[in-house]
Amino acid sequence: MLACIVVKAVLLPQKRTLELPGRRRVSDLLAAFKLTPGTAMVIRGDALLTDGEFIEPDDEIEIRSVVSGGAPAEQ
């Protein structure tokens, strides 16, 4: 019997989790969560990953939605 090697990812703050088989790019992981690049940060340990980087099987990944707004303009 073969063990399924998966990438485990959690989308925060929603706490939605996915387990996806095999090695894949960060951009593929974002697509699985229906997120577009630039709208979330993908983190492995203490490292921020870019869209083209690979996530390896057995990696535990955190995805954090990015919210922009900024301060109101001074008048």
Protein backbone atom coordinates (compact mmCIF):
# COMPACT_ATOMS: atom_id res chain seq x y z
CA MET A 1 0.00 0.00 0.00
CA LEU A 2 1.37 3.42 -0.97
CA ALA A 3 1.13 6.35 1.39
CA CYS A 4 -0.35 9.53 -0.02
CA ILE A 5 2.17 12.34 0.31
CA VAL A 6 0.36 15.64 0.59
CA VAL A 7 0.89 19.34 1.02
CA LYS A 8 -1.12 20.60 3.99
CA ALA A 9 -2.29 24.20 3.83
CA VAL A 10 -4.49 26.35 6.04
CA LEU A 11 -6.11 29.63 4.97
CA LEU A 12 -6.25 32.14 7.82
CA PRO A 13 -8.19 33.73 9.40
CA GLN A 14 -10.95 31.50 7.93
CA LYS A 15 -9.17 28.32 9.16
CA ARG A 16 -10.05 26.54 5.91
CA THR A 17 -7.69 23.63 5.26
CA LEU A 18 -6.77 21.63 2.18
CA GLU A 19 -4.56 18.60 1.69
CA LEU A 20 -3.31 18.35 -1.89
CA PRO A 21 -1.34 15.43 -3.31
CA GLY A 22 2.24 15.87 -4.49
CA ARG A 23 4.58 18.74 -5.18
CA ARG A 24 3.07 21.94 -6.59
CA ARG A 25 3.74 25.61 -7.20
CA VAL A 26 2.50 28.32 -4.85
CA SER A 27 0.32 29.68 -7.67
CA ASP A 28 -1.38 26.26 -7.98
CA LEU A 29 -2.04 26.20 -4.25
CA LEU A 30 -3.61 29.67 -4.40
CA ALA A 31 -5.81 28.53 -7.29
CA ALA A 32 -7.00 25.56 -5.20
CA PHE A 33 -8.21 28.06 -2.60
CA LYS A 34 -9.71 30.23 -5.39
CA LEU A 35 -7.29 33.06 -4.56
CA THR A 36 -5.38 35.17 -7.05
CA PRO A 37 -1.67 35.92 -6.64
CA GLY A 38 -1.14 39.17 -4.76
CA THR A 39 -4.22 38.69 -2.56
CA ALA A 40 -2.56 36.36 -0.04
CA MET A 41 0.79 35.63 1.58
CA VAL A 42 2.00 32.04 1.47
CA ILE A 43 4.26 31.13 4.40
CA ARG A 44 6.37 28.02 5.11
CA GLY A 45 7.88 28.21 8.59
CA ASP A 46 9.32 31.72 8.77
CA ALA A 47 9.72 32.11 4.99
CA LEU A 48 7.41 34.04 2.69
CA LEU A 49 7.04 32.19 -0.63
CA THR A 50 6.59 33.66 -4.11
CA ASP A 51 4.14 32.42 -6.77
CA GLY A 52 6.74 30.45 -8.74
CA GLU A 53 8.25 28.55 -5.80
CA PHE A 54 7.48 24.91 -5.20
CA ILE A 55 5.83 23.50 -2.11
CA GLU A 56 7.10 20.04 -1.27
CA PRO A 57 5.10 17.09 0.03
CA ASP A 58 4.79 17.10 3.82
CA ASP A 59 5.22 20.91 3.93
CA GLU A 60 2.83 22.66 6.26
CA ILE A 61 1.78 25.94 4.70
CA GLU A 62 -0.04 28.94 6.09
CA ILE A 63 -1.92 31.26 3.75
CA ARG A 64 -2.92 34.69 5.04
CA SER A 65 -5.32 36.93 3.16
CA VAL A 66 -3.90 40.36 2.43
CA VAL A 67 -6.02 43.40 3.24
CA SER A 68 -5.00 46.80 1.99
CA GLY A 69 -6.50 50.09 2.90
CA GLY A 70 -4.09 52.60 4.27
CA ALA A 71 -4.68 55.72 6.25
CA PRO A 72 -7.14 58.33 5.05
CA ALA A 73 -5.60 61.23 3.15
CA GLU A 74 -4.87 64.32 5.21
CA GLN A 75 -6.83 67.38 4.24
